[in-house]
Amino acid sequence: MPRLLLISWLLLPSALTACKCEMSLSACHEFAMSGVVFAGTVVSVTPSFLDRWKLGQRPSLSLLNTAEDQFHRNPSPAAFRALKDAFAKVFPDLPADSKRRLENATKAAELASVFDAVLDRGKSVRFRVTTVFRKDDDGHSDDPKDGGKSDDEKQFLNVFTPFGDCGYDFQEGEAYLVYADDDEDTSMLETTRCSRTNRLTDAGSDLAYLYFLQNSGDASGRLEGFVTTDVYYQQKQEQFHDQDRIGFPVSGAVVELQSGSRARYATTDGGGRFVFDGLATGEYRVTAFASGFPDQIQALQDPATIHVETRNCAIKTILANPKPIR
């Protein structure tokens, strides 16, 4: 009879198959493809035994290991009842349907299937929402009784995330920026590690874009790009793909963004990246200059024209080719 593998999985979540994300989207494209985007603080993670930050849970898991060992050495009805009792005691906040299946289990295989189902369902994370940046056109709610809720109750959202490497390890009391969408099978909100969901503290660039979306009306476009000396850069870039650096980056370059008589400037970081937010729809002229601008004016390429749309992102990569001082 096979051993239950649940406990080893809980203690060693990194042993699960590594998550493979097909593509990481930029902030504006992730926003456009998400059903709900919000900032909020985690109130609870259930079932709590799937919360890897619940360090106090681990001594209880060792007691469960002991009960399981005793059952497999002597698979008597009494040992099985003791194992069921241990599961119920260590995992008190199972979903109602899982509790019923646990209570009705008569075989070890049935007991294992209960927890396989819990693992498949993943973690339900309850948030106290502070700011909503986007919601479904139908005013998505994860609760069919939402219409009867008070205003205080509507400040909460439940979001599922998978157990294992693809799930996000939320912490109670921590604030997050969450990109969520409806799960195809359950119609519940879900987020994963492959989305741009992140601690609010670490979501600076996303929050800048969302700030302008929420507060600047028509002036809410973004231009993001890179300065590089790699003539083959186009072979290594994917449209909409989120990158924090480019091959052969030019750091410290000054990028000029001009519209009419007005110009704005940004300096590329160590990955050659630059960003402009709060842009109105229209045509802009982009020019990159070597570091030392404006005291020394050395263009790195001929000016280029790019179009920016409201609430959208434009992407521009500049191939640096130093020009004489003008």
Protein backbone atom coordinates (compact mmCIF):
# COMPACT_ATOMS: atom_id res chain seq x y z
CA MET A 1 0.00 0.00 0.00
CA PRO A 2 1.58 3.36 -1.08
CA ARG A 3 2.52 5.89 1.54
CA LEU A 4 0.73 9.22 1.70
CA LEU A 5 2.99 11.88 0.20
CA LEU A 6 1.12 14.91 1.49
CA ILE A 7 3.36 15.64 4.46
CA SER A 8 6.60 15.57 2.52
CA TRP A 9 5.05 17.91 -0.02
CA LEU A 10 4.05 20.37 2.67
CA LEU A 11 7.47 20.34 4.26
CA LEU A 12 9.35 20.49 0.97
CA PRO A 13 7.25 22.52 -1.50
CA SER A 14 10.36 23.21 -3.59
CA ALA A 15 10.49 19.49 -4.41
CA LEU A 16 7.41 19.86 -6.61
CA THR A 17 7.77 20.29 -10.37
CA ALA A 18 9.13 23.75 -11.11
CA CYS A 19 6.60 26.19 -12.55
CA LYS A 20 7.13 27.10 -16.20
CA CYS A 21 5.74 30.49 -17.17
CA GLU A 22 5.19 30.93 -20.90
CA MET A 23 5.72 34.68 -20.88
CA SER A 24 5.97 37.53 -18.40
CA LEU A 25 3.92 40.50 -19.61
CA SER A 26 4.71 44.17 -19.17
CA ALA A 27 2.63 46.10 -16.64
CA CYS A 28 0.22 47.64 -19.13
CA HIS A 29 -0.35 44.40 -21.05
CA GLU A 30 -0.85 42.42 -17.82
CA PHE A 31 -3.34 45.08 -16.74
CA ALA A 32 -5.24 44.85 -20.02
CA MET A 33 -5.49 41.04 -19.80
CA SER A 34 -6.49 40.84 -16.11
CA GLY A 35 -10.09 40.78 -14.94
CA VAL A 36 -9.33 42.43 -11.60
CA VAL A 37 -6.33 44.48 -10.46
CA PHE A 38 -6.24 45.76 -6.89
CA ALA A 39 -4.05 46.59 -3.92
CA GLY A 40 -4.89 44.95 -0.62
CA THR A 41 -3.67 43.36 2.60
CA VAL A 42 -3.89 39.62 3.28
CA VAL A 43 -6.31 38.79 6.09
CA SER A 44 -6.08 35.01 5.94
CA VAL A 45 -4.77 32.05 3.94
CA THR A 46 -6.85 28.86 4.00
CA PRO A 47 -6.39 25.99 4.45
CA SER A 48 -3.75 27.26 6.86
CA PHE A 49 -1.64 24.10 6.51
CA LEU A 50 -0.86 25.15 2.90
CA ASP A 51 0.59 28.43 4.17
CA ARG A 52 4.37 27.87 4.20
CA TRP A 53 4.84 30.87 6.50
CA LYS A 54 2.88 29.17 9.30
CA LEU A 55 6.01 27.95 11.03
CA GLY A 56 4.07 26.85 14.12
CA GLN A 57 2.33 24.24 11.96
CA ARG A 58 5.46 22.15 11.46
CA PRO A 59 5.63 20.49 14.90
CA SER A 60 2.03 19.32 14.35
CA LEU A 61 3.00 17.85 11.00
CA SER A 62 5.64 15.72 12.70
CA LEU A 63 2.93 14.31 15.00
CA LEU A 64 0.91 13.46 11.92
CA ASN A 65 3.91 11.68 10.46
CA THR A 66 4.04 9.56 13.60
CA ALA A 67 0.36 8.62 13.29
CA GLU A 68 0.88 7.70 9.64
CA ASP A 69 3.90 5.52 10.48
CA GLN A 70 1.91 3.66 13.12
CA PHE A 71 -0.92 3.03 10.67
CA HIS A 72 1.36 1.63 7.99
CA ARG A 73 3.11 -0.63 10.48
CA ASN A 74 -0.21 -1.89 11.81
CA PRO A 75 -3.12 -1.00 9.47
CA SER A 76 -5.81 -1.81 12.02
CA PRO A 77 -9.19 -0.03 12.25
CA ALA A 78 -8.04 1.65 15.47
CA ALA A 79 -4.84 2.93 13.84
CA PHE A 80 -6.85 4.24 10.88
CA ARG A 81 -9.25 6.09 13.20
CA ALA A 82 -6.26 7.58 15.00
CA LEU A 83 -4.82 8.73 11.66
CA LYS A 84 -8.14 10.33 10.68
CA ASP A 85 -8.31 12.08 14.05
CA ALA A 86 -4.76 13.35 13.60
CA PHE A 87 -5.60 14.78 10.19
CA ALA A 88 -8.74 16.47 11.52
CA LYS A 89 -6.84 17.95 14.46
CA VAL A 90 -3.85 19.21 12.48
CA PHE A 91 -5.97 20.55 9.61
CA PRO A 92 -9.01 22.13 11.30
CA ASP A 93 -9.91 24.56 8.49
CA LEU A 94 -10.50 22.18 5.60
CA PRO A 95 -13.28 23.19 3.18
CA ALA A 96 -16.67 21.78 4.20
CA ASP A 97 -16.78 19.20 1.40
CA SER A 98 -13.29 17.98 2.29
CA LYS A 99 -14.27 17.64 5.94
CA ARG A 100 -17.23 15.46 4.97
CA ARG A 101 -15.04 13.26 2.77
CA LEU A 102 -12.50 12.97 5.59
CA GLU A 103 -15.20 11.93 8.07
CA ASN A 104 -16.61 9.35 5.64
CA ALA A 105 -13.26 7.90 4.55
CA THR A 106 -12.87 4.18 5.27
CA LYS A 107 -9.65 3.47 3.35
CA ALA A 108 -6.22 5.02 3.19
CA ALA A 109 -6.72 5.70 -0.53
CA GLU A 110 -9.87 7.71 0.25
CA LEU A 111 -7.98 9.65 2.89
CA ALA A 112 -5.22 10.45 0.41
CA SER A 113 -7.73 11.53 -2.23
CA VAL A 114 -9.20 14.10 0.17
CA PHE A 115 -5.88 15.86 0.41
CA ASP A 116 -5.11 15.44 -3.27
CA ALA A 117 -8.32 17.38 -3.91
CA VAL A 118 -7.32 20.08 -1.42
CA LEU A 119 -3.93 20.44 -3.08
CA ASP A 120 -5.57 20.64 -6.51
CA ARG A 121 -7.89 23.38 -5.27
CA GLY A 122 -5.00 25.41 -3.86
CA LYS A 123 -5.09 28.24 -1.34
CA SER A 124 -7.87 30.75 -0.80
CA VAL A 125 -6.41 34.12 0.14
CA ARG A 126 -8.72 36.73 1.65
CA PHE A 127 -7.76 40.37 1.09
CA ARG A 128 -8.91 43.60 2.62
CA VAL A 129 -8.97 45.75 -0.52
CA THR A 130 -7.63 49.29 -0.32
CA THR A 131 -7.57 50.34 -4.00
CA VAL A 132 -9.24 48.85 -7.07
CA PHE A 133 -7.48 49.70 -10.34
CA ARG A 134 -9.55 47.44 -12.60
CA LYS A 135 -12.55 45.13 -12.36
CA ASP A 136 -14.60 43.11 -14.85
CA ASP A 137 -17.24 44.92 -16.83
CA ASP A 138 -19.88 43.08 -14.80
CA GLY A 139 -18.38 44.32 -11.51
CA HIS A 140 -16.95 40.90 -10.77
CA SER A 141 -17.52 39.44 -7.34
CA ASP A 142 -16.42 36.04 -6.11
CA ASP A 143 -19.59 35.73 -4.08
CA PRO A 144 -23.03 35.22 -5.71
CA LYS A 145 -24.60 36.89 -2.66
CA ASP A 146 -22.52 40.04 -3.11
CA GLY A 147 -25.62 42.13 -3.72
CA GLY A 148 -26.67 41.56 -0.12
CA LYS A 149 -23.35 42.56 1.41
CA SER A 150 -22.70 45.71 3.38
CA ASP A 151 -20.17 48.28 2.14
CA ASP A 152 -17.67 47.01 4.73
CA GLU A 153 -18.04 43.41 3.49
CA LYS A 154 -17.50 44.52 -0.11
CA GLN A 155 -14.02 45.72 0.86
CA PHE A 156 -12.90 42.07 0.86
CA LEU A 157 -11.98 39.77 -2.01
CA ASN A 158 -11.09 36.07 -2.06
CA VAL A 159 -8.43 35.02 -4.57
CA PHE A 160 -7.23 31.47 -5.20
CA THR A 161 -3.61 30.59 -5.93
CA PRO A 162 -2.25 27.11 -6.67
CA PHE A 163 -0.35 25.06 -4.11
CA GLY A 164 3.20 24.45 -5.27
CA ASP A 165 5.73 26.38 -7.28
CA CYS A 166 3.19 28.16 -9.51
CA GLY A 167 1.28 29.54 -6.54
CA TYR A 168 2.13 32.84 -4.91
CA ASP A 169 3.28 32.59 -1.28
CA PHE A 170 1.13 35.28 0.28
CA GLN A 171 1.78 36.30 3.91
CA GLU A 172 -0.89 37.35 6.38
CA GLY A 173 -0.61 41.05 7.20
CA GLU A 174 1.43 41.89 4.08
CA ALA A 175 0.13 44.24 1.35
CA TYR A 176 0.16 43.22 -2.32
CA LEU A 177 -0.62 44.45 -5.80
CA VAL A 178 -2.72 41.63 -7.27
CA TYR A 179 -3.46 40.84 -10.92
CA ALA A 180 -6.25 38.26 -10.98
CA ASP A 181 -8.55 36.63 -13.52
CA ASP A 182 -11.41 34.15 -13.58
CA ASP A 183 -10.38 30.51 -13.46
CA GLU A 184 -11.90 28.75 -16.49
CA ASP A 185 -13.21 25.82 -14.45
CA THR A 186 -14.48 27.51 -11.30
CA SER A 187 -15.13 31.17 -12.32
CA MET A 188 -13.32 32.15 -9.11
CA LEU A 189 -10.60 34.78 -9.08
CA GLU A 190 -7.12 33.27 -9.38
CA THR A 191 -3.57 34.55 -9.50
CA THR A 192 -0.24 32.78 -9.95
CA ARG A 193 3.47 33.41 -9.71
CA CYS A 194 3.48 33.86 -13.50
CA SER A 195 1.46 37.08 -13.21
CA ARG A 196 2.83 40.44 -12.07
CA THR A 197 1.27 39.98 -8.62
CA ASN A 198 3.85 41.25 -6.14
CA ARG A 199 4.39 42.75 -2.71
CA LEU A 200 3.24 46.36 -2.82
CA THR A 201 6.71 47.36 -1.63
CA ASP A 202 8.27 45.74 -4.71
CA ALA A 203 5.72 46.96 -7.29
CA GLY A 204 7.06 50.47 -7.84
CA SER A 205 7.07 50.54 -11.66
CA ASP A 206 3.59 48.99 -11.87
CA LEU A 207 2.20 51.42 -9.31
CA ALA A 208 3.56 54.38 -11.29
CA TYR A 209 1.70 53.19 -14.39
CA LEU A 210 -1.50 52.49 -12.41
CA TYR A 211 -1.30 55.90 -10.72
CA PHE A 212 -1.45 57.69 -14.06
CA LEU A 213 -4.22 55.39 -15.29
CA GLN A 214 -6.32 56.24 -12.26
CA ASN A 215 -5.58 59.95 -11.97
CA SER A 216 -4.51 61.42 -15.32
CA GLY A 217 -7.41 60.83 -17.67
CA ASP A 218 -6.26 61.03 -21.27
CA ALA A 219 -2.63 61.57 -20.21
CA SER A 220 -2.18 57.97 -19.10
CA GLY A 221 -0.01 56.35 -21.77
CA ARG A 222 3.42 54.82 -21.17
CA LEU A 223 6.56 54.65 -23.31
CA GLU A 224 9.11 52.08 -22.22
CA GLY A 225 12.22 50.99 -24.00
CA PHE A 226 15.93 50.30 -24.06
CA VAL A 227 19.15 51.69 -25.47
CA THR A 228 21.55 49.05 -26.77
CA THR A 229 24.56 48.59 -29.05
CA ASP A 230 23.41 45.11 -30.14
CA VAL A 231 22.53 45.23 -33.86
CA TYR A 232 20.71 41.88 -33.47
CA TYR A 233 18.48 42.98 -30.59
CA GLN A 234 15.28 42.36 -32.60
CA GLN A 235 16.01 38.64 -32.70
CA LYS A 236 15.97 38.49 -28.89
CA GLN A 237 12.85 40.56 -28.15
CA GLU A 238 9.23 39.44 -27.96
CA GLN A 239 6.33 41.83 -28.28
CA PHE A 240 4.67 42.59 -24.93
CA HIS A 241 7.37 40.58 -23.08
CA ASP A 242 8.45 42.14 -19.82
CA GLN A 243 12.18 42.70 -19.68
CA ASP A 244 14.27 44.54 -17.12
CA ARG A 245 17.38 44.66 -19.28
CA ILE A 246 18.62 44.14 -22.81
CA GLY A 247 21.79 42.63 -24.27
CA PHE A 248 24.70 45.07 -24.59
CA PRO A 249 22.82 47.83 -22.70
CA VAL A 250 23.84 51.48 -22.73
CA SER A 251 23.46 52.63 -19.13
CA GLY A 252 23.45 56.29 -18.18
CA ALA A 253 22.18 57.43 -21.59
CA VAL A 254 19.78 60.38 -21.52
CA VAL A 255 16.58 59.85 -23.52
CA GLU A 256 14.72 62.94 -24.71
CA LEU A 257 10.98 62.69 -25.37
CA GLN A 258 9.68 65.71 -27.26
CA SER A 259 6.14 66.72 -28.17
CA GLY A 260 5.75 70.14 -29.75
CA SER A 261 7.92 72.59 -27.84
CA ARG A 262 7.95 70.51 -24.65
CA ALA A 263 10.63 67.95 -23.82
CA ARG A 264 11.01 65.42 -21.00
CA TYR A 265 14.09 63.40 -20.08
CA ALA A 266 14.89 60.01 -18.52
CA THR A 267 18.21 58.26 -17.82
CA THR A 268 18.67 54.59 -18.67
CA ASP A 269 19.40 52.22 -15.81
CA GLY A 270 22.02 49.48 -15.66
CA GLY A 271 19.91 47.32 -18.00
CA GLY A 272 19.58 50.08 -20.59
CA ARG A 273 15.89 50.62 -19.71
CA PHE A 274 13.95 53.89 -19.67
CA VAL A 275 10.27 54.70 -18.95
CA PHE A 276 7.98 57.70 -19.46
CA ASP A 277 4.51 57.75 -17.88
CA GLY A 278 1.55 60.12 -18.06
CA LEU A 279 1.60 60.58 -21.85
CA ALA A 280 -1.33 61.87 -23.89
CA THR A 281 -2.26 60.31 -27.22
CA GLY A 282 -0.04 61.64 -29.98
CA GLU A 283 3.25 61.61 -31.84
CA TYR A 284 6.52 61.97 -29.94
CA ARG A 285 10.09 62.38 -31.06
CA VAL A 286 12.60 60.21 -29.20
CA THR A 287 16.35 60.88 -29.12
CA ALA A 288 19.05 59.25 -27.01
CA PHE A 289 22.18 61.13 -25.91
CA ALA A 290 25.41 59.92 -24.34
CA SER A 291 25.91 60.46 -20.61
CA GLY A 292 27.09 63.98 -19.94
CA PHE A 293 24.04 65.54 -21.57
CA PRO A 294 23.22 68.46 -21.56
CA ASP A 295 26.75 69.76 -20.85
CA GLN A 296 28.02 67.62 -23.71
CA ILE A 297 25.52 66.92 -26.48
CA GLN A 298 26.30 63.69 -28.30
CA ALA A 299 23.36 61.99 -30.02
CA LEU A 300 23.46 58.20 -30.03
CA GLN A 301 21.12 57.90 -33.06
CA ASP A 302 18.92 59.92 -35.37
CA PRO A 303 15.64 61.08 -33.78
CA ALA A 304 12.76 58.60 -34.15
CA THR A 305 9.01 59.22 -34.11
CA ILE A 306 6.70 57.01 -32.07
CA HIS A 307 2.92 57.04 -31.51
CA VAL A 308 1.43 56.69 -28.01
CA GLU A 309 -2.20 55.81 -27.26
CA THR A 310 -4.15 56.69 -24.12
CA ARG A 311 -4.02 53.96 -21.44
CA ASN A 312 -1.64 51.90 -23.60
CA CYS A 313 2.08 51.21 -23.75
CA ALA A 314 4.40 51.98 -26.61
CA ILE A 315 7.74 50.19 -26.84
CA LYS A 316 10.91 51.59 -28.39
CA THR A 317 14.41 50.15 -28.58
CA ILE A 318 17.17 52.54 -29.62
CA LEU A 319 20.22 51.17 -31.37
CA ALA A 320 23.07 53.41 -30.20
CA ASN A 321 25.29 54.74 -32.96
CA PRO A 322 27.22 57.78 -31.64
CA LYS A 323 26.76 60.96 -33.66
CA PRO A 324 28.97 64.07 -33.70
CA ILE A 325 28.26 66.80 -31.18
CA ARG A 326 25.57 69.06 -32.66
